[in-house]
Amino acid sequence: MDETDLNRAMDRYACGEAAAFAVLHRGLYPRLRAYLVRMRGSTHIADDLVQETFLRMHRARATFAAGASVVPWMYTIARNVLIDHARSSRTRRTEELPEGDAFEPIDTGADTESAAVANQAARTVERVLARLPASQREAFVLLRYESLSVQDAANVLGTTPAAVKLRAFRAYEALRAELGAPGEKASSEKAPDAPKPTPGASRRDDSGRAPARGSHGDR
């Protein structure tokens, strides 16, 4: 569904048109669920968080600025849901482990060998994403999978565009190293394109700030 139509539907919903919710749910649900699955590594948890996100969108609908873009607004709410869930589940560490159904098998038609290679690459990507710091994972997912602009991703994450580029670049480097490692070279799957970091970013931390004198930053 075109984002312009979604924005108009959100405007109507914010003004009290209840019927507009069906349009929003139909257009936003696939993207929201995919984002939450990638961030949590669990379809079961993601399904619960999808419902919570839509509930919070409903409660906050009157605060939506007319003419604004609903997709970044939705991701901002979803990120807050993720943060709250992580805080409440710190004592249940088993939920941090990705499940086997966290990725969707890639359909490559009748070529079973290609399908096996592609699905192995998908599993590798999910495994690497699960190991990344949350700040790097969410930046990478928003840019690569959710196709947000760097500025929109920065707004969602409450940081600077330079920090978003750096975090996503580090995630990309981790994926490239894993996909290019021995045992994975048989895969024709290429690591996703990396966002170009801001000049000097290699000497900055994930917040986009240069380390204090004498600090070596991330290694």
N, C-alpha and C. Protein backbone atom coordinates (compact mmCIF):
# COMPACT_ATOMS: atom_id res chain seq x y z
N MET A 1 0.84 -1.19 0.00
CA MET A 1 0.00 0.00 0.00
C MET A 1 0.88 1.24 0.00
N ASP A 2 0.50 2.22 -0.78
CA ASP A 2 1.26 3.46 -0.89
C ASP A 2 1.29 4.19 0.46
N GLU A 3 2.47 4.72 0.82
CA GLU A 3 2.61 5.37 2.12
C GLU A 3 1.77 6.65 2.20
N THR A 4 1.53 7.28 1.08
CA THR A 4 0.67 8.46 1.09
C THR A 4 -0.74 8.10 1.55
N ASP A 5 -1.23 6.95 1.07
CA ASP A 5 -2.56 6.50 1.50
C ASP A 5 -2.56 6.16 2.98
N LEU A 6 -1.47 5.56 3.47
CA LEU A 6 -1.37 5.24 4.89
C LEU A 6 -1.35 6.51 5.74
N ASN A 7 -0.62 7.51 5.28
CA ASN A 7 -0.56 8.77 6.02
C ASN A 7 -1.94 9.42 6.10
N ARG A 8 -2.67 9.37 4.99
CA ARG A 8 -4.02 9.95 4.98
C ARG A 8 -4.95 9.17 5.90
N ALA A 9 -4.79 7.84 5.87
CA ALA A 9 -5.62 7.02 6.76
C ALA A 9 -5.32 7.33 8.22
N MET A 10 -4.03 7.55 8.54
CA MET A 10 -3.67 7.88 9.92
C MET A 10 -4.22 9.24 10.31
N ASP A 11 -4.21 10.17 9.39
CA ASP A 11 -4.80 11.48 9.67
C ASP A 11 -6.28 11.33 10.03
N ARG A 12 -6.98 10.50 9.26
CA ARG A 12 -8.41 10.30 9.53
C ARG A 12 -8.61 9.59 10.86
N TYR A 13 -7.76 8.60 11.12
CA TYR A 13 -7.88 7.85 12.37
C TYR A 13 -7.61 8.75 13.56
N ALA A 14 -6.62 9.64 13.43
CA ALA A 14 -6.30 10.56 14.52
C ALA A 14 -7.45 11.52 14.79
N CYS A 15 -8.25 11.77 13.76
CA CYS A 15 -9.40 12.67 13.92
C CYS A 15 -10.66 11.95 14.36
N GLY A 16 -10.54 10.64 14.62
CA GLY A 16 -11.68 9.92 15.17
C GLY A 16 -12.41 9.00 14.22
N GLU A 17 -11.89 8.83 13.00
CA GLU A 17 -12.55 7.93 12.05
C GLU A 17 -12.11 6.50 12.32
N ALA A 18 -12.90 5.75 13.06
CA ALA A 18 -12.52 4.41 13.48
C ALA A 18 -12.30 3.46 12.31
N ALA A 19 -13.05 3.65 11.22
CA ALA A 19 -12.95 2.76 10.08
C ALA A 19 -11.57 2.81 9.43
N ALA A 20 -10.84 3.89 9.64
CA ALA A 20 -9.51 4.03 9.03
C ALA A 20 -8.50 3.05 9.63
N PHE A 21 -8.82 2.51 10.81
CA PHE A 21 -7.88 1.57 11.43
C PHE A 21 -7.68 0.33 10.58
N ALA A 22 -8.74 -0.14 9.91
CA ALA A 22 -8.63 -1.33 9.07
C ALA A 22 -7.62 -1.10 7.95
N VAL A 23 -7.60 0.09 7.40
CA VAL A 23 -6.65 0.43 6.34
C VAL A 23 -5.24 0.43 6.90
N LEU A 24 -5.06 1.02 8.07
CA LEU A 24 -3.75 1.08 8.70
C LEU A 24 -3.24 -0.32 9.04
N HIS A 25 -4.10 -1.12 9.62
CA HIS A 25 -3.70 -2.47 10.02
C HIS A 25 -3.29 -3.29 8.81
N ARG A 26 -4.06 -3.22 7.75
CA ARG A 26 -3.76 -3.97 6.53
C ARG A 26 -2.43 -3.52 5.91
N GLY A 27 -2.16 -2.23 5.93
CA GLY A 27 -0.94 -1.72 5.30
C GLY A 27 0.30 -1.82 6.17
N LEU A 28 0.14 -1.72 7.50
CA LEU A 28 1.30 -1.68 8.40
C LEU A 28 1.66 -3.02 9.01
N TYR A 29 0.69 -3.91 9.14
CA TYR A 29 0.93 -5.17 9.84
C TYR A 29 2.12 -5.97 9.29
N PRO A 30 2.23 -6.19 7.98
CA PRO A 30 3.35 -7.01 7.49
C PRO A 30 4.71 -6.42 7.83
N ARG A 31 4.85 -5.11 7.69
CA ARG A 31 6.13 -4.46 7.98
C ARG A 31 6.43 -4.48 9.47
N LEU A 32 5.41 -4.21 10.27
CA LEU A 32 5.61 -4.18 11.71
C LEU A 32 6.00 -5.56 12.24
N ARG A 33 5.31 -6.59 11.80
CA ARG A 33 5.61 -7.94 12.28
C ARG A 33 7.01 -8.37 11.85
N ALA A 34 7.38 -8.10 10.59
CA ALA A 34 8.72 -8.47 10.11
C ALA A 34 9.79 -7.78 10.93
N TYR A 35 9.59 -6.51 11.24
CA TYR A 35 10.55 -5.76 12.06
C TYR A 35 10.70 -6.37 13.44
N LEU A 36 9.58 -6.68 14.08
CA LEU A 36 9.64 -7.22 15.44
C LEU A 36 10.22 -8.63 15.46
N VAL A 37 9.95 -9.42 14.44
CA VAL A 37 10.56 -10.77 14.37
C VAL A 37 12.07 -10.64 14.25
N ARG A 38 12.53 -9.75 13.41
CA ARG A 38 13.98 -9.59 13.24
C ARG A 38 14.64 -9.06 14.51
N MET A 39 13.96 -8.19 15.21
CA MET A 39 14.53 -7.62 16.42
C MET A 39 14.51 -8.59 17.59
N ARG A 40 13.47 -9.43 17.68
CA ARG A 40 13.35 -10.32 18.82
C ARG A 40 13.76 -11.74 18.53
N GLY A 41 13.83 -12.14 17.25
CA GLY A 41 14.23 -13.49 16.91
C GLY A 41 13.19 -14.53 17.26
N SER A 42 11.95 -14.12 17.44
CA SER A 42 10.89 -15.05 17.82
C SER A 42 9.56 -14.59 17.24
N THR A 43 8.93 -15.45 16.46
CA THR A 43 7.63 -15.08 15.90
C THR A 43 6.56 -15.02 16.99
N HIS A 44 6.68 -15.88 18.00
CA HIS A 44 5.67 -15.91 19.06
C HIS A 44 5.69 -14.61 19.87
N ILE A 45 6.88 -14.17 20.25
CA ILE A 45 6.99 -12.92 20.99
C ILE A 45 6.58 -11.75 20.10
N ALA A 46 7.02 -11.79 18.84
CA ALA A 46 6.70 -10.70 17.92
C ALA A 46 5.20 -10.52 17.77
N ASP A 47 4.46 -11.62 17.71
CA ASP A 47 3.01 -11.50 17.55
C ASP A 47 2.38 -10.75 18.73
N ASP A 48 2.88 -11.03 19.93
CA ASP A 48 2.37 -10.30 21.10
C ASP A 48 2.74 -8.82 21.03
N LEU A 49 3.97 -8.54 20.58
CA LEU A 49 4.43 -7.16 20.52
C LEU A 49 3.73 -6.37 19.42
N VAL A 50 3.33 -7.05 18.35
CA VAL A 50 2.55 -6.39 17.30
C VAL A 50 1.24 -5.86 17.88
N GLN A 51 0.55 -6.71 18.65
CA GLN A 51 -0.71 -6.28 19.25
C GLN A 51 -0.51 -5.12 20.21
N GLU A 52 0.57 -5.18 20.99
CA GLU A 52 0.85 -4.09 21.93
C GLU A 52 1.16 -2.80 21.19
N THR A 53 1.88 -2.92 20.08
CA THR A 53 2.21 -1.72 19.30
C THR A 53 0.95 -1.06 18.74
N PHE A 54 0.06 -1.86 18.16
CA PHE A 54 -1.18 -1.30 17.63
C PHE A 54 -2.03 -0.70 18.74
N LEU A 55 -2.02 -1.33 19.90
CA LEU A 55 -2.78 -0.78 21.03
C LEU A 55 -2.23 0.59 21.43
N ARG A 56 -0.90 0.70 21.48
CA ARG A 56 -0.30 1.99 21.84
C ARG A 56 -0.53 3.04 20.76
N MET A 57 -0.53 2.61 19.50
CA MET A 57 -0.85 3.55 18.42
C MET A 57 -2.26 4.08 18.59
N HIS A 58 -3.17 3.20 18.96
CA HIS A 58 -4.56 3.62 19.18
C HIS A 58 -4.65 4.64 20.32
N ARG A 59 -3.96 4.34 21.40
CA ARG A 59 -4.01 5.25 22.56
C ARG A 59 -3.37 6.60 22.25
N ALA A 60 -2.36 6.59 21.38
CA ALA A 60 -1.60 7.82 21.09
C ALA A 60 -2.07 8.51 19.82
N ARG A 61 -3.16 8.03 19.21
CA ARG A 61 -3.55 8.54 17.90
C ARG A 61 -3.81 10.04 17.89
N ALA A 62 -4.30 10.57 19.00
CA ALA A 62 -4.59 12.00 19.05
C ALA A 62 -3.33 12.85 19.03
N THR A 63 -2.17 12.23 19.32
CA THR A 63 -0.92 12.98 19.33
C THR A 63 -0.23 12.98 17.97
N PHE A 64 -0.77 12.22 17.02
CA PHE A 64 -0.16 12.15 15.70
C PHE A 64 -0.31 13.49 14.99
N ALA A 65 0.80 14.02 14.50
CA ALA A 65 0.78 15.33 13.83
C ALA A 65 0.20 15.20 12.43
N ALA A 66 -0.80 15.97 12.13
CA ALA A 66 -1.43 15.93 10.81
C ALA A 66 -0.40 16.17 9.72
N GLY A 67 -0.43 15.31 8.71
CA GLY A 67 0.50 15.45 7.60
C GLY A 67 1.84 14.76 7.81
N ALA A 68 2.04 14.18 8.99
CA ALA A 68 3.31 13.49 9.27
C ALA A 68 3.29 12.11 8.62
N SER A 69 4.43 11.44 8.66
CA SER A 69 4.55 10.09 8.09
C SER A 69 4.27 9.06 9.17
N VAL A 70 3.35 8.16 8.91
CA VAL A 70 2.94 7.20 9.93
C VAL A 70 3.96 6.09 10.13
N VAL A 71 4.73 5.74 9.09
CA VAL A 71 5.65 4.60 9.22
C VAL A 71 6.75 4.85 10.26
N PRO A 72 7.50 5.96 10.19
CA PRO A 72 8.48 6.20 11.26
C PRO A 72 7.84 6.32 12.63
N TRP A 73 6.65 6.91 12.68
CA TRP A 73 5.92 7.03 13.96
C TRP A 73 5.62 5.64 14.53
N MET A 74 5.19 4.74 13.65
CA MET A 74 4.91 3.37 14.09
C MET A 74 6.17 2.69 14.62
N TYR A 75 7.30 2.86 13.91
CA TYR A 75 8.53 2.22 14.36
C TYR A 75 9.01 2.80 15.68
N THR A 76 8.78 4.08 15.90
CA THR A 76 9.16 4.68 17.18
C THR A 76 8.38 4.03 18.32
N ILE A 77 7.08 3.84 18.12
CA ILE A 77 6.26 3.18 19.13
C ILE A 77 6.69 1.73 19.31
N ALA A 78 6.93 1.04 18.20
CA ALA A 78 7.35 -0.36 18.27
C ALA A 78 8.68 -0.50 19.01
N ARG A 79 9.58 0.44 18.81
CA ARG A 79 10.87 0.38 19.52
C ARG A 79 10.66 0.54 21.02
N ASN A 80 9.77 1.44 21.40
CA ASN A 80 9.47 1.60 22.83
C ASN A 80 8.86 0.33 23.41
N VAL A 81 8.01 -0.34 22.63
CA VAL A 81 7.45 -1.62 23.06
C VAL A 81 8.56 -2.64 23.27
N LEU A 82 9.51 -2.68 22.34
CA LEU A 82 10.64 -3.60 22.46
C LEU A 82 11.46 -3.32 23.72
N ILE A 83 11.72 -2.05 23.97
CA ILE A 83 12.51 -1.67 25.15
C ILE A 83 11.79 -2.09 26.42
N ASP A 84 10.50 -1.83 26.49
CA ASP A 84 9.73 -2.20 27.68
C ASP A 84 9.70 -3.71 27.86
N HIS A 85 9.57 -4.43 26.76
CA HIS A 85 9.55 -5.89 26.85
C HIS A 85 10.90 -6.42 27.32
N ALA A 86 11.98 -5.85 26.81
CA ALA A 86 13.31 -6.31 27.22
C ALA A 86 13.53 -6.07 28.71
N ARG A 87 13.05 -4.94 29.20
CA ARG A 87 13.21 -4.64 30.62
C ARG A 87 12.42 -5.62 31.49
N SER A 88 11.23 -5.97 31.02
CA SER A 88 10.38 -6.85 31.82
C SER A 88 10.81 -8.31 31.75
N SER A 89 11.64 -8.66 30.77
CA SER A 89 12.02 -10.06 30.61
C SER A 89 13.48 -10.34 30.93
N ARG A 90 14.12 -9.42 31.62
CA ARG A 90 15.54 -9.61 31.92
C ARG A 90 15.79 -10.85 32.76
N THR A 91 14.81 -11.25 33.53
CA THR A 91 14.98 -12.44 34.36
C THR A 91 14.64 -13.71 33.60
N ARG A 92 14.16 -13.56 32.35
CA ARG A 92 13.83 -14.72 31.55
C ARG A 92 14.77 -14.75 30.35
N ARG A 93 16.03 -15.06 30.60
CA ARG A 93 17.07 -14.96 29.58
C ARG A 93 16.85 -15.92 28.42
N THR A 94 16.10 -16.97 28.63
CA THR A 94 15.89 -17.91 27.52
C THR A 94 15.15 -17.25 26.37
N GLU A 95 14.41 -16.17 26.67
CA GLU A 95 13.70 -15.48 25.60
C GLU A 95 14.64 -14.74 24.68
N GLU A 96 15.89 -14.53 25.12
CA GLU A 96 16.86 -13.81 24.30
C GLU A 96 17.39 -14.70 23.18
N LEU A 97 17.20 -16.02 23.29
CA LEU A 97 17.74 -16.91 22.28
C LEU A 97 16.79 -16.97 21.09
N PRO A 98 17.32 -16.80 19.86
CA PRO A 98 16.44 -16.86 18.69
C PRO A 98 15.88 -18.25 18.49
N GLU A 99 14.65 -18.31 18.00
CA GLU A 99 13.99 -19.58 17.74
C GLU A 99 14.24 -20.00 16.31
N GLY A 100 13.97 -21.27 16.04
CA GLY A 100 14.20 -21.78 14.70
C GLY A 100 13.28 -21.19 13.67
N ASP A 101 12.14 -20.60 14.09
CA ASP A 101 11.19 -20.05 13.14
C ASP A 101 11.34 -18.54 13.00
N ALA A 102 12.49 -18.01 13.39
CA ALA A 102 12.68 -16.56 13.35
C ALA A 102 12.87 -16.04 11.95
N PHE A 103 13.19 -16.92 11.00
CA PHE A 103 13.31 -16.45 9.62
C PHE A 103 12.35 -17.24 8.76
N GLU A 104 11.99 -16.65 7.64
CA GLU A 104 11.10 -17.33 6.72
C GLU A 104 11.91 -17.93 5.60
N PRO A 105 11.77 -19.24 5.33
CA PRO A 105 12.53 -19.88 4.27
C PRO A 105 12.32 -19.17 2.95
N ILE A 106 13.37 -19.11 2.15
CA ILE A 106 13.32 -18.43 0.87
C ILE A 106 12.85 -19.39 -0.20
N ASP A 107 11.83 -18.99 -0.95
CA ASP A 107 11.30 -19.84 -2.00
C ASP A 107 12.05 -19.56 -3.29
N THR A 108 12.80 -20.52 -3.76
CA THR A 108 13.55 -20.35 -5.02
C THR A 108 13.04 -21.31 -6.08
N GLY A 109 11.82 -21.75 -5.95
CA GLY A 109 11.23 -22.62 -6.96
C GLY A 109 11.72 -24.05 -6.83
N ALA A 110 11.95 -24.68 -7.98
CA ALA A 110 12.29 -26.09 -8.00
C ALA A 110 13.76 -26.36 -7.72
N ASP A 111 14.59 -25.33 -7.70
CA ASP A 111 16.03 -25.51 -7.49
C ASP A 111 16.29 -25.72 -6.01
N THR A 112 16.26 -26.98 -5.58
CA THR A 112 16.40 -27.27 -4.17
C THR A 112 17.78 -26.92 -3.64
N GLU A 113 18.80 -27.06 -4.48
CA GLU A 113 20.15 -26.72 -4.02
C GLU A 113 20.26 -25.23 -3.75
N SER A 114 19.73 -24.42 -4.63
CA SER A 114 19.74 -22.97 -4.42
C SER A 114 18.93 -22.60 -3.20
N ALA A 115 17.80 -23.29 -3.01
CA ALA A 115 16.97 -23.01 -1.85
C ALA A 115 17.71 -23.32 -0.56
N ALA A 116 18.45 -24.43 -0.55
CA ALA A 116 19.19 -24.81 0.65
C ALA A 116 20.28 -23.79 0.95
N VAL A 117 20.98 -23.35 -0.08
CA VAL A 117 22.04 -22.36 0.11
C VAL A 117 21.47 -21.04 0.60
N ALA A 118 20.36 -20.61 -0.03
CA ALA A 118 19.74 -19.33 0.35
C ALA A 118 19.22 -19.38 1.78
N ASN A 119 18.60 -20.50 2.15
CA ASN A 119 18.07 -20.60 3.50
C ASN A 119 19.17 -20.68 4.54
N GLN A 120 20.30 -21.32 4.19
CA GLN A 120 21.43 -21.35 5.10
C GLN A 120 21.98 -19.94 5.31
N ALA A 121 22.04 -19.17 4.21
CA ALA A 121 22.50 -17.79 4.33
C ALA A 121 21.56 -16.97 5.20
N ALA A 122 20.24 -17.22 5.05
CA ALA A 122 19.26 -16.50 5.86
C ALA A 122 19.43 -16.84 7.33
N ARG A 123 19.69 -18.11 7.62
CA ARG A 123 19.92 -18.50 9.01
C ARG A 123 21.17 -17.83 9.57
N THR A 124 22.19 -17.74 8.73
CA THR A 124 23.43 -17.09 9.17
C THR A 124 23.19 -15.62 9.50
N VAL A 125 22.44 -14.94 8.64
CA VAL A 125 22.12 -13.53 8.89
C VAL A 125 21.36 -13.39 10.20
N GLU A 126 20.36 -14.24 10.43
CA GLU A 126 19.58 -14.16 11.66
C GLU A 126 20.47 -14.41 12.88
N ARG A 127 21.38 -15.37 12.75
CA ARG A 127 22.27 -15.70 13.88
C ARG A 127 23.19 -14.53 14.21
N VAL A 128 23.73 -13.91 13.18
CA VAL A 128 24.63 -12.77 13.41
C VAL A 128 23.86 -11.60 13.98
N LEU A 129 22.67 -11.32 13.44
CA LEU A 129 21.87 -10.22 13.96
C LEU A 129 21.54 -10.42 15.44
N ALA A 130 21.27 -11.67 15.82
CA ALA A 130 20.92 -11.95 17.22
C ALA A 130 22.09 -11.68 18.15
N ARG A 131 23.33 -11.78 17.64
CA ARG A 131 24.51 -11.57 18.48
C ARG A 131 24.92 -10.11 18.56
N LEU A 132 24.42 -9.30 17.67
CA LEU A 132 24.84 -7.90 17.63
C LEU A 132 24.29 -7.11 18.81
N PRO A 133 24.99 -6.05 19.21
CA PRO A 133 24.39 -5.13 20.18
C PRO A 133 23.07 -4.59 19.61
N ALA A 134 22.11 -4.37 20.47
CA ALA A 134 20.79 -3.92 20.02
C ALA A 134 20.87 -2.65 19.19
N SER A 135 21.78 -1.75 19.55
CA SER A 135 21.88 -0.47 18.83
C SER A 135 22.29 -0.69 17.38
N GLN A 136 23.19 -1.66 17.14
CA GLN A 136 23.62 -1.95 15.77
C GLN A 136 22.54 -2.72 15.02
N ARG A 137 21.91 -3.66 15.70
CA ARG A 137 20.88 -4.48 15.04
C ARG A 137 19.71 -3.61 14.58
N GLU A 138 19.22 -2.73 15.45
CA GLU A 138 18.05 -1.95 15.09
C GLU A 138 18.36 -0.95 13.98
N ALA A 139 19.57 -0.38 13.99
CA ALA A 139 19.94 0.54 12.91
C ALA A 139 19.99 -0.20 11.57
N PHE A 140 20.61 -1.38 11.57
CA PHE A 140 20.73 -2.17 10.35
C PHE A 140 19.35 -2.59 9.84
N VAL A 141 18.50 -3.07 10.73
CA VAL A 141 17.17 -3.55 10.33
C VAL A 141 16.34 -2.41 9.75
N LEU A 142 16.37 -1.25 10.39
CA LEU A 142 15.57 -0.12 9.91
C LEU A 142 16.02 0.34 8.52
N LEU A 143 17.34 0.34 8.29
CA LEU A 143 17.84 0.80 6.99
C LEU A 143 17.71 -0.26 5.92
N ARG A 144 18.17 -1.46 6.24
CA ARG A 144 18.25 -2.52 5.23
C ARG A 144 16.90 -3.17 4.94
N TYR A 145 16.19 -3.57 5.98
CA TYR A 145 14.97 -4.33 5.79
C TYR A 145 13.72 -3.46 5.75
N GLU A 146 13.69 -2.40 6.55
CA GLU A 146 12.49 -1.56 6.60
C GLU A 146 12.58 -0.38 5.65
N SER A 147 13.75 -0.18 5.04
CA SER A 147 13.94 0.83 3.99
C SER A 147 13.66 2.26 4.44
N LEU A 148 13.93 2.54 5.71
CA LEU A 148 13.80 3.92 6.17
C LEU A 148 15.01 4.72 5.68
N SER A 149 14.80 6.01 5.53
CA SER A 149 15.93 6.89 5.25
C SER A 149 16.80 6.99 6.50
N VAL A 150 18.03 7.41 6.33
CA VAL A 150 18.93 7.56 7.47
C VAL A 150 18.33 8.56 8.47
N GLN A 151 17.75 9.64 7.95
CA GLN A 151 17.17 10.65 8.84
C GLN A 151 15.97 10.10 9.60
N ASP A 152 15.09 9.35 8.91
CA ASP A 152 13.94 8.76 9.60
C ASP A 152 14.39 7.75 10.65
N ALA A 153 15.39 6.94 10.31
CA ALA A 153 15.92 5.97 11.28
C ALA A 153 16.50 6.69 12.49
N ALA A 154 17.20 7.79 12.25
CA ALA A 154 17.76 8.57 13.36
C ALA A 154 16.66 9.11 14.25
N ASN A 155 15.56 9.55 13.64
CA ASN A 155 14.43 10.06 14.43
C ASN A 155 13.81 8.94 15.27
N VAL A 156 13.67 7.76 14.68
CA VAL A 156 13.11 6.63 15.41
C VAL A 156 13.99 6.25 16.60
N LEU A 157 15.31 6.24 16.37
CA LEU A 157 16.25 5.80 17.39
C LEU A 157 16.68 6.90 18.34
N GLY A 158 16.28 8.13 18.06
CA GLY A 158 16.63 9.23 18.94
C GLY A 158 18.11 9.54 18.94
N THR A 159 18.73 9.47 17.75
CA THR A 159 20.16 9.72 17.66
C THR A 159 20.44 10.51 16.39
N THR A 160 21.69 10.61 16.01
CA THR A 160 22.07 11.38 14.84
C THR A 160 22.19 10.50 13.61
N PRO A 161 22.06 11.07 12.40
CA PRO A 161 22.28 10.28 11.18
C PRO A 161 23.68 9.64 11.15
N ALA A 162 24.69 10.36 11.63
CA ALA A 162 26.05 9.82 11.63
C ALA A 162 26.13 8.57 12.51
N ALA A 163 25.46 8.59 13.65
CA ALA A 163 25.47 7.42 14.54
C ALA A 163 24.73 6.25 13.91
N VAL A 164 23.63 6.52 13.22
CA VAL A 164 22.89 5.45 12.55
C VAL A 164 23.77 4.80 11.49
N LYS A 165 24.45 5.61 10.68
CA LYS A 165 25.31 5.06 9.64
C LYS A 165 26.42 4.20 10.24
N LEU A 166 27.00 4.66 11.32
CA LEU A 166 28.09 3.92 11.95
C LEU A 166 27.60 2.59 12.51
N ARG A 167 26.46 2.60 13.20
CA ARG A 167 25.93 1.37 13.78
C ARG A 167 25.58 0.36 12.69
N ALA A 168 24.93 0.83 11.62
CA ALA A 168 24.56 -0.07 10.53
C ALA A 168 25.80 -0.60 9.82
N PHE A 169 26.82 0.24 9.69
CA PHE A 169 28.05 -0.19 9.03
C PHE A 169 28.73 -1.29 9.84
N ARG A 170 28.75 -1.16 11.15
CA ARG A 170 29.36 -2.19 11.99
C ARG A 170 28.58 -3.50 11.91
N ALA A 171 27.26 -3.39 11.82
CA ALA A 171 26.44 -4.60 11.65
C ALA A 171 26.75 -5.26 10.31
N TYR A 172 26.87 -4.45 9.27
CA TYR A 172 27.20 -4.97 7.95
C TYR A 172 28.56 -5.67 7.97
N GLU A 173 29.53 -5.07 8.63
CA GLU A 173 30.86 -5.67 8.69
C GLU A 173 30.81 -7.03 9.37
N ALA A 174 30.01 -7.14 10.43
CA ALA A 174 29.87 -8.43 11.12
C ALA A 174 29.23 -9.47 10.21
N LEU A 175 28.23 -9.05 9.45
CA LEU A 175 27.59 -9.97 8.52
C LEU A 175 28.52 -10.38 7.40
N ARG A 176 29.26 -9.43 6.88
CA ARG A 176 30.17 -9.75 5.78
C ARG A 176 31.25 -10.71 6.25
N ALA A 177 31.75 -10.53 7.46
CA ALA A 177 32.78 -11.41 7.98
C ALA A 177 32.23 -12.83 8.14
N GLU A 178 30.98 -12.94 8.59
CA GLU A 178 30.39 -14.26 8.81
C GLU A 178 30.07 -14.95 7.49
N LEU A 179 29.50 -14.21 6.56
CA LEU A 179 29.13 -14.80 5.28
C LEU A 179 30.34 -15.14 4.43
N GLY A 180 31.44 -14.47 4.72
CA GLY A 180 32.66 -14.74 3.96
C GLY A 180 33.59 -15.71 4.65
N ALA A 181 33.14 -16.23 5.82
CA ALA A 181 33.99 -17.13 6.59
C ALA A 181 34.03 -18.50 5.95
N PRO A 182 35.06 -19.32 6.26
CA PRO A 182 35.13 -20.68 5.74
C PRO A 182 33.86 -21.44 6.08
N GLY A 183 33.37 -22.20 5.11
CA GLY A 183 32.13 -22.94 5.33
C GLY A 183 30.93 -22.19 4.82
N GLU A 184 31.06 -20.86 4.68
CA GLU A 184 29.96 -20.07 4.14
C GLU A 184 30.25 -19.64 2.71
N LYS A 185 31.47 -19.83 2.24
CA LYS A 185 31.84 -19.34 0.92
C LYS A 185 31.08 -20.03 -0.20
N ALA A 186 30.52 -21.20 0.11
CA ALA A 186 29.76 -21.89 -0.92
C ALA A 186 28.49 -21.13 -1.25
N SER A 187 28.10 -20.25 -0.38
CA SER A 187 26.88 -19.48 -0.60
C SER A 187 27.14 -18.36 -1.58
N SER A 188 26.20 -18.19 -2.50
CA SER A 188 26.31 -17.08 -3.44
C SER A 188 25.65 -15.84 -2.88
N GLU A 189 25.12 -15.95 -1.67
CA GLU A 189 24.44 -14.82 -1.03
C GLU A 189 25.46 -13.76 -0.68
N LYS A 190 25.23 -12.55 -1.12
CA LYS A 190 26.11 -11.44 -0.80
C LYS A 190 25.64 -10.76 0.46
N ALA A 191 26.59 -10.25 1.21
CA ALA A 191 26.21 -9.46 2.38
C ALA A 191 25.50 -8.21 1.89
N PRO A 192 24.49 -7.74 2.62
CA PRO A 192 23.76 -6.54 2.21
C PRO A 192 24.69 -5.35 2.06
N ASP A 193 24.31 -4.44 1.17
CA ASP A 193 25.12 -3.24 0.98
C ASP A 193 25.25 -2.47 2.27
N ALA A 194 26.45 -2.01 2.52
CA ALA A 194 26.71 -1.27 3.76
C ALA A 194 26.49 0.21 3.54
N PRO A 195 25.86 0.90 4.49
CA PRO A 195 25.80 2.36 4.41
C PRO A 195 27.19 2.90 4.62
N LYS A 196 27.54 3.93 3.90
CA LYS A 196 28.88 4.50 4.04
C LYS A 196 28.96 5.32 5.32
N PRO A 197 29.91 4.98 6.21
CA PRO A 197 30.02 5.74 7.45
C PRO A 197 30.53 7.14 7.20
N THR A 198 30.21 8.03 8.10
CA THR A 198 30.70 9.39 8.02
C THR A 198 32.22 9.38 8.16
N PRO A 199 32.95 10.22 7.39
CA PRO A 199 34.41 10.26 7.54
C PRO A 199 34.82 10.41 8.99
N GLY A 200 35.77 9.57 9.40
CA GLY A 200 36.22 9.59 10.78
C GLY A 200 35.38 8.73 11.68
N ALA A 201 34.35 8.03 11.10
CA ALA A 201 33.45 7.25 11.94
C ALA A 201 34.15 6.09 12.61
N SER A 202 35.22 5.57 12.01
CA SER A 202 35.90 4.44 12.61
C SER A 202 36.49 4.80 13.96
N ARG A 203 36.63 6.10 14.23
CA ARG A 203 37.17 6.52 15.51
C ARG A 203 36.07 7.04 16.42
N ARG A 204 34.83 6.74 16.09
CA ARG A 204 33.71 7.21 16.91
C ARG A 204 33.00 6.02 17.53
N ASP A 205 32.29 6.30 18.65
CA ASP A 205 31.53 5.23 19.27
C ASP A 205 30.15 5.18 18.63
N ASP A 206 29.28 4.25 19.10
CA ASP A 206 27.99 4.06 18.47
C ASP A 206 27.06 5.25 18.63
N SER A 207 27.39 6.19 19.48
CA SER A 207 26.55 7.37 19.63
C SER A 207 26.92 8.45 18.63
N GLY A 208 28.00 8.20 17.86
CA GLY A 208 28.45 9.19 16.90
C GLY A 208 29.45 10.15 17.46
N ARG A 209 29.81 9.98 18.78
CA ARG A 209 30.77 10.89 19.40
C ARG A 209 32.17 10.33 19.28
N ALA A 210 33.14 11.21 19.08
CA ALA A 210 34.53 10.78 19.09
C ALA A 210 34.94 10.41 20.50
N PRO A 211 35.74 9.31 20.67
CA PRO A 211 36.17 8.92 22.02
C PRO A 211 37.06 9.98 22.64
N ALA A 212 37.03 10.04 23.97
CA ALA A 212 37.87 11.00 24.68
C ALA A 212 39.33 10.71 24.41
N ARG A 213 40.19 11.71 24.57
CA ARG A 213 41.62 11.56 24.33
C ARG A 213 42.16 10.42 25.18
N GLY A 214 42.88 9.55 24.52
CA GLY A 214 43.46 8.42 25.23
C GLY A 214 42.61 7.17 25.11
N SER A 215 41.34 7.32 24.63
CA SER A 215 40.47 6.17 24.44
C SER A 215 40.65 5.61 23.06
N HIS A 216 40.53 4.32 22.90
CA HIS A 216 40.69 3.68 21.60
C HIS A 216 39.36 3.38 20.94
N GLY A 217 38.24 3.71 21.61
CA GLY A 217 36.93 3.45 21.04
C GLY A 217 36.67 1.96 20.97
N ASP A 218 35.68 1.55 20.11
CA ASP A 218 35.35 0.14 19.97
C ASP A 218 36.45 -0.59 19.24
N ARG A 219 36.72 -1.80 19.61
CA ARG A 219 37.72 -2.59 18.93
C ARG A 219 37.06 -3.77 18.23
